[in-house]
Each structure stands twice: as structure tokens, then as C-alpha cells.
Amino acid sequence: IALDCIGAGCNLIVEKPLALSIAGADAIISAAKEKGIKVCVCHQNRFNKSIQKVRDAYEKHRFGKMFYGVANIRWCRDWEYYSSAKWRGTWEHDGGALMNQSIHNIDLLRWMLGGEVDEVFAYTDNLNHNYIQAEDMGIALVKFKNGTYGIIEGTTNIYPKNLEETLCLFGKNGTVKVGGLSLNEIEEWNFSDALDDSYEIKQTYKENHLNIYGYGHTRLYSNVIDAIRYGYEPYITAEEGKLSLELVLAVYKSAAEGKSVKLPLQKCSTIDFLGRFENER
């Protein structure tokens, strides 16, 4: 669909993930460059007030040496959710808890820890949803090329409803925890430079909303409109979207092969994992 739109000369917002394969992502990026088309990947949580404040601290080097970060996605998805659309939970059209639900926070973890991943080791499993093909739980260790480490925990097995989505960052000079249902509030804010008051930061950058989607979509759409109008690149480009996709695919590959996986991936697709959990049911 993205390639058809690019061929027709349309600028794009692609709902995450950008594609389900490295080849698919590369095809979109290449076609967009050839046509002069702008492509934005919808990782709307980057526009959360809380996340923007953390990013500001990161860009100003307030954390000092970054040690590691943790992305937790503890959500609930039941039979009613998966049965409402045939594509959900399939390898051909979706993937599982990591590719669908967790990729937003995985994107933020990668973005905040320096971007370039060196190596991944992971486990995935289907523990509670034997009616879908893909995983409902994934745990991964990520080593970044800058020496920072990441921990990913994503699941759709939480009873009886979504519990939380949290992003924690730990540096030599700073500790931050962003939480809430959709990373909409700062829960911990401590920096050695003491430039701001922790309580005030928590109050100022908290957004109260009624669902997991938050207010980021409106801000993302506005950014893309301005990018088209004024001729600059969207805040979240197709290249950025590919990096988050690649990290999830590396998790899948590591879990399937039972060994660590080096990045970048030359090729990988969700359909490579067809039948992954069938023998365990």
C-alpha cells in the first residue's frame, strides 16, 4: 500500500511498524527518495510532553554517561481483541506483542540510548494465546555500539487489563522513569545538576487522557503537515522507523535461533518465523 501511494505521488504517514521485513522497509525508503516523497512512521509517543522533556535532558547531556535503559510494556489483549480482525497475531500481517504493542516503547528505548544497536539476545514465547501464531511475551537484552545496554520486557498477558508502560533511563548523573498507561507521566526525575525541581517537573509534564493513545497523534500530524508545507523532513522519518523494526526483528531472530544476533540485519521478515510456536502447543 505504501509503495502504491508513493507511486501516486502521495506523502505518507505509515502506522507502525514501517513494514514487516527489512526488504519492505528498504523498498519504501528507496521509492520515497526517488519520488521526493516524505514518509513519517507513526511512533506518536515521541511527541508526549513527558518524552519530549526527557529527550531534552538527553540532548543536553544531563544524564552524563548513560548506563542502561529499561522498556516495560505490561498490557492485556484477549480473545475478543485478536478475533476482531483476522490479521492480528499472524506472522504475515502483524507479528505479536513486541511488533504490535511494544514497538512504541522499543522505539523510545533505542532513540534515548544512542540508536545504533550492536547485538541482541532474546527469548519469546506464546504462553496464553494459542489461537494466534506469534508471541505474547518477549524479553530481550540489547547491547548498543556506544556501550550502553537496554532491557526489553513486552507482553499482552497481564490480567485483567493493561497495567503500565514504563521507560527507565539510568545514567551516571541522572535517573528518569516515565510511566502511566502510555508514557504520559514522569514518575522519577533526579539529576545531579539540580537545575529543576522534581515535583514541579512531574506536575508540569503529566498528561491525563482517557486511553492508551494519548495526544501524540495530533502533534505528529501537525509536524508532517508542516514538513510538507515548509520542505523539511518529518520528526520521525522512514529511516528511523526501519531502525525500530530492525530491533524487533533481531529479537525474533535471536529467540528463534537460540543465540545472540549482530546488527545490522541484511535480511529478515516476520514470515521467517511461521510455525515458530506450533510444536509447543
Protein backbone atom coordinates (compact mmCIF):
# COMPACT_ATOMS: atom_id res chain seq x y z
CA ILE A 1 0.00 0.00 0.00
CA ALA A 2 2.83 2.41 0.89
CA LEU A 3 4.56 1.77 -2.45
CA ASP A 4 1.30 2.33 -4.34
CA CYS A 5 0.83 5.66 -2.55
CA ILE A 6 4.41 6.72 -3.24
CA GLY A 7 3.94 5.77 -6.89
CA ALA A 8 0.90 8.04 -6.97
CA GLY A 9 2.95 10.93 -5.56
CA CYS A 10 1.44 10.95 -2.06
CA ASN A 11 3.30 11.90 1.09
CA LEU A 12 2.77 9.29 3.80
CA ILE A 13 2.16 8.64 7.45
CA VAL A 14 2.68 4.90 7.92
CA GLU A 15 1.21 3.39 11.07
CA LYS A 16 3.86 1.42 12.94
CA PRO A 17 5.69 -0.68 12.04
CA LEU A 18 7.04 0.74 8.79
CA ALA A 19 6.97 -2.77 7.28
CA LEU A 20 7.32 -6.38 8.41
CA SER A 21 10.65 -7.05 6.71
CA ILE A 22 13.98 -5.35 6.10
CA ALA A 23 13.36 -5.63 2.35
CA GLY A 24 9.94 -3.97 2.69
CA ALA A 25 11.37 -1.09 4.71
CA ASP A 26 14.22 -0.59 2.24
CA ALA A 27 11.78 -0.58 -0.67
CA ILE A 28 9.71 2.20 0.92
CA ILE A 29 12.77 4.28 1.76
CA SER A 30 14.23 3.89 -1.73
CA ALA A 31 10.97 4.64 -3.55
CA ALA A 32 10.32 7.71 -1.40
CA LYS A 33 13.77 9.13 -2.12
CA GLU A 34 13.36 8.53 -5.83
CA LYS A 35 9.99 10.31 -5.89
CA GLY A 36 10.88 13.04 -3.41
CA ILE A 37 8.13 11.84 -1.07
CA LYS A 38 8.06 12.47 2.68
CA VAL A 39 7.38 9.40 4.84
CA CYS A 40 6.68 9.55 8.56
CA VAL A 41 6.32 6.47 10.78
CA CYS A 42 3.65 6.83 13.46
CA HIS A 43 5.57 6.50 16.72
CA GLN A 44 3.38 9.15 18.31
CA ASN A 45 4.68 8.71 21.87
CA ARG A 46 7.78 10.63 20.88
CA PHE A 47 5.53 13.69 20.99
CA ASN A 48 4.34 13.11 24.59
CA LYS A 49 5.19 16.07 26.81
CA SER A 50 6.96 13.71 29.20
CA ILE A 51 9.06 12.12 26.47
CA GLN A 52 9.96 15.47 24.94
CA LYS A 53 11.21 16.63 28.35
CA VAL A 54 13.35 13.50 28.74
CA ARG A 55 14.70 13.90 25.22
CA ASP A 56 15.66 17.49 26.03
CA ALA A 57 17.63 16.26 29.05
CA TYR A 58 19.30 13.61 26.89
CA GLU A 59 20.30 16.10 24.19
CA LYS A 60 21.73 18.43 26.82
CA HIS A 61 23.84 15.53 28.18
CA ARG A 62 22.34 15.83 31.65
CA PHE A 63 22.50 12.05 32.19
CA GLY A 64 26.26 12.03 31.77
CA LYS A 65 27.45 8.57 30.81
CA MET A 66 24.33 6.52 30.11
CA PHE A 67 24.48 3.08 31.72
CA TYR A 68 21.28 1.37 30.61
CA GLY A 69 17.57 1.71 29.99
CA VAL A 70 14.52 -0.50 30.50
CA ALA A 71 11.31 -0.65 28.45
CA ASN A 72 8.39 -2.44 30.12
CA ILE A 73 5.10 -2.99 28.30
CA ARG A 74 2.64 -4.84 30.54
CA TRP A 75 -0.64 -4.95 28.69
CA CYS A 76 -3.67 -7.17 28.23
CA ARG A 77 -5.03 -8.42 24.90
CA ASP A 78 -7.70 -11.11 24.97
CA TRP A 79 -9.54 -13.37 22.55
CA GLU A 80 -12.03 -10.61 21.75
CA TYR A 81 -9.21 -8.34 20.60
CA TYR A 82 -7.45 -10.92 18.44
CA SER A 83 -10.64 -12.33 16.95
CA SER A 84 -11.89 -8.89 15.89
CA ALA A 85 -9.57 -8.90 12.85
CA LYS A 86 -8.05 -11.91 11.09
CA TRP A 87 -4.64 -10.26 10.59
CA ARG A 88 -3.98 -9.83 14.30
CA GLY A 89 -1.33 -12.07 15.76
CA THR A 90 -0.34 -13.53 12.37
CA TRP A 91 3.24 -13.60 11.11
CA GLU A 92 2.26 -12.48 7.62
CA HIS A 93 0.37 -9.35 8.61
CA ASP A 94 1.24 -8.42 12.18
CA GLY A 95 3.66 -10.21 14.50
CA GLY A 96 2.98 -10.43 18.22
CA ALA A 97 3.23 -8.42 21.41
CA LEU A 98 6.62 -6.95 20.52
CA MET A 99 5.90 -5.90 16.95
CA ASN A 100 2.39 -4.59 17.55
CA GLN A 101 2.06 -3.33 21.12
CA SER A 102 5.65 -2.92 22.32
CA ILE A 103 7.35 -1.32 19.33
CA HIS A 104 6.44 2.18 20.51
CA ASN A 105 8.46 1.81 23.70
CA ILE A 106 11.18 -0.15 21.92
CA ASP A 107 11.49 2.80 19.55
CA LEU A 108 11.89 5.17 22.51
CA LEU A 109 14.46 2.96 24.22
CA ARG A 110 16.59 2.81 21.09
CA TRP A 111 16.16 6.56 20.48
CA MET A 112 17.19 7.50 24.01
CA LEU A 113 20.19 5.18 24.24
CA GLY A 114 22.07 6.25 21.17
CA GLY A 115 20.34 4.49 18.30
CA GLU A 116 22.92 2.05 16.91
CA VAL A 117 22.45 -1.50 18.19
CA ASP A 118 25.38 -3.90 18.21
CA GLU A 119 23.89 -7.16 19.49
CA VAL A 120 20.65 -8.68 20.80
CA PHE A 121 19.87 -11.78 22.84
CA ALA A 122 16.24 -12.66 23.45
CA TYR A 123 13.54 -15.11 24.42
CA THR A 124 9.98 -15.04 23.08
CA ASP A 125 7.07 -17.34 23.80
CA ASN A 126 3.35 -17.84 23.37
CA LEU A 127 2.14 -18.60 26.89
CA ASN A 128 -1.54 -17.74 26.87
CA HIS A 129 -2.84 -17.16 23.34
CA ASN A 130 -2.80 -20.47 21.49
CA TYR A 131 -5.19 -19.04 18.89
CA ILE A 132 -2.54 -16.66 17.45
CA GLN A 133 0.65 -17.51 15.59
CA ALA A 134 3.05 -15.03 17.16
CA GLU A 135 4.43 -14.30 20.63
CA ASP A 136 2.53 -12.89 23.58
CA MET A 137 5.70 -12.37 25.63
CA GLY A 138 9.23 -11.28 24.82
CA ILE A 139 12.32 -10.49 26.88
CA ALA A 140 15.50 -9.11 25.34
CA LEU A 141 18.92 -7.78 26.23
CA VAL A 142 20.29 -5.16 23.87
CA LYS A 143 23.90 -4.02 23.59
CA PHE A 144 24.40 -0.68 21.88
CA LYS A 145 27.51 0.28 19.94
CA ASN A 146 28.19 3.14 22.36
CA GLY A 147 28.48 0.71 25.30
CA THR A 148 25.01 1.31 26.69
CA TYR A 149 22.63 -1.57 27.45
CA GLY A 150 18.88 -1.97 27.06
CA ILE A 151 16.34 -4.35 28.58
CA ILE A 152 13.01 -5.04 26.91
CA GLU A 153 10.01 -6.74 28.50
CA GLY A 154 6.81 -6.85 26.48
CA THR A 155 3.67 -8.89 26.98
CA THR A 156 -0.06 -9.00 26.33
CA ASN A 157 -0.65 -11.49 29.16
CA ILE A 158 -1.40 -9.11 32.03
CA TYR A 159 -4.61 -9.86 33.95
CA PRO A 160 -7.21 -8.38 33.89
CA LYS A 161 -6.32 -5.18 31.97
CA ASN A 162 -3.39 -3.01 30.88
CA LEU A 163 -1.13 -2.35 33.84
CA GLU A 164 1.56 0.05 32.66
CA GLU A 165 4.06 1.12 30.08
CA THR A 166 7.30 2.43 31.54
CA LEU A 167 10.63 3.70 30.28
CA CYS A 168 13.53 3.96 32.72
CA LEU A 169 16.88 5.57 31.95
CA PHE A 170 19.90 5.31 34.23
CA GLY A 171 22.98 7.47 33.77
CA LYS A 172 25.94 8.50 35.89
CA ASN A 173 24.33 11.85 36.65
CA GLY A 174 20.62 11.17 36.20
CA THR A 175 17.73 8.78 36.75
CA VAL A 176 14.37 9.10 34.99
CA LYS A 177 11.27 6.94 34.95
CA VAL A 178 8.36 7.71 32.63
CA GLY A 179 5.18 5.71 33.26
CA GLY A 180 1.41 5.70 33.15
CA LEU A 181 -0.71 3.79 30.66
CA SER A 182 1.10 5.31 27.69
CA LEU A 183 4.24 7.00 28.97
CA ASN A 184 2.18 10.05 29.82
CA GLU A 185 3.71 10.99 33.17
CA ILE A 186 7.14 11.39 34.71
CA GLU A 187 7.38 9.29 37.87
CA GLU A 188 11.06 9.83 38.74
CA TRP A 189 13.24 12.81 37.83
CA ASN A 190 16.63 13.14 39.51
CA PHE A 191 19.72 14.89 38.13
CA SER A 192 22.96 15.80 39.87
CA ASP A 193 22.92 19.30 38.33
CA ALA A 194 19.74 20.17 40.31
CA LEU A 195 18.59 22.51 37.56
CA ASP A 196 14.91 21.88 38.20
CA ASP A 197 12.51 20.79 40.92
CA SER A 198 11.45 17.14 40.64
CA TYR A 199 7.92 17.73 41.94
CA GLU A 200 7.34 20.62 39.55
CA ILE A 201 8.59 18.58 36.60
CA LYS A 202 6.22 15.72 37.45
CA GLN A 203 3.25 18.07 37.64
CA THR A 204 4.09 20.12 34.56
CA TYR A 205 4.70 17.22 32.18
CA LYS A 206 1.85 14.95 33.20
CA GLU A 207 -0.91 14.46 30.64
CA ASN A 208 -4.21 13.00 31.74
CA HIS A 209 -6.05 11.22 28.97
CA LEU A 210 -8.71 8.55 28.73
CA ASN A 211 -6.98 5.88 26.67
CA ILE A 212 -3.58 4.44 25.74
CA TYR A 213 -3.25 6.55 22.60
CA GLY A 214 -2.69 9.90 24.29
CA TYR A 215 -2.34 13.19 22.43
CA GLY A 216 0.73 12.38 20.34
CA HIS A 217 -1.12 11.71 17.08
CA THR A 218 -2.34 15.29 16.73
CA ARG A 219 1.17 16.61 17.26
CA LEU A 220 2.60 14.09 14.80
CA TYR A 221 0.06 15.03 12.13
CA SER A 222 0.84 18.70 12.66
CA ASN A 223 4.56 18.03 12.27
CA VAL A 224 4.03 16.16 9.00
CA ILE A 225 1.79 18.91 7.63
CA ASP A 226 4.48 21.49 8.42
CA ALA A 227 7.19 19.26 6.92
CA ILE A 228 5.25 19.10 3.67
CA ARG A 229 4.37 22.79 3.73
CA TYR A 230 7.86 24.09 4.55
CA GLY A 231 10.01 21.44 2.90
CA TYR A 232 11.80 19.75 5.80
CA GLU A 233 11.91 16.14 6.97
CA PRO A 234 9.29 14.82 9.41
CA TYR A 235 10.38 14.37 13.03
CA ILE A 236 10.12 10.58 12.65
CA THR A 237 11.42 9.52 9.26
CA ALA A 238 11.15 6.21 7.45
CA GLU A 239 14.82 5.58 8.27
CA GLU A 240 14.02 5.93 11.98
CA GLY A 241 11.08 3.58 11.58
CA LYS A 242 13.33 0.99 9.95
CA LEU A 243 15.70 1.01 12.93
CA SER A 244 12.91 0.15 15.37
CA LEU A 245 11.59 -2.54 13.03
CA GLU A 246 15.09 -3.99 12.72
CA LEU A 247 15.44 -4.22 16.50
CA VAL A 248 12.19 -6.19 16.87
CA LEU A 249 13.16 -8.49 14.01
CA ALA A 250 16.53 -9.06 15.69
CA VAL A 251 14.70 -10.07 18.87
CA TYR A 252 12.61 -12.54 16.88
CA LYS A 253 15.68 -13.93 15.14
CA SER A 254 17.66 -14.35 18.36
CA ALA A 255 14.77 -16.09 20.13
CA ALA A 256 14.16 -18.44 17.20
CA GLU A 257 17.84 -19.35 16.78
CA GLY A 258 18.69 -19.50 20.49
CA LYS A 259 21.74 -17.27 20.15
CA SER A 260 22.73 -13.63 20.06
CA VAL A 261 22.26 -11.72 16.82
CA LYS A 262 24.51 -8.99 15.47
CA LEU A 263 23.12 -5.91 13.72
CA PRO A 264 22.61 -4.58 11.13
CA LEU A 265 20.39 -7.29 9.67
CA GLN A 266 20.87 -7.80 5.95
CA LYS A 267 17.53 -9.54 5.61
CA CYS A 268 14.77 -10.70 7.94
CA SER A 269 10.98 -10.86 7.86
CA THR A 270 8.21 -11.87 10.23
CA ILE A 271 7.24 -14.65 7.83
CA ASP A 272 10.62 -16.26 8.53
CA PHE A 273 9.07 -17.35 11.84
CA LEU A 274 5.98 -19.12 10.54
CA GLY A 275 5.34 -22.19 12.71
CA ARG A 276 7.57 -20.82 15.48
CA PHE A 277 5.32 -21.94 18.36
CA GLU A 278 3.25 -24.68 16.75
CA ASN A 279 5.30 -27.53 18.18
CA GLU A 280 4.92 -26.13 21.69
CA ARG A 281 1.11 -26.29 21.73
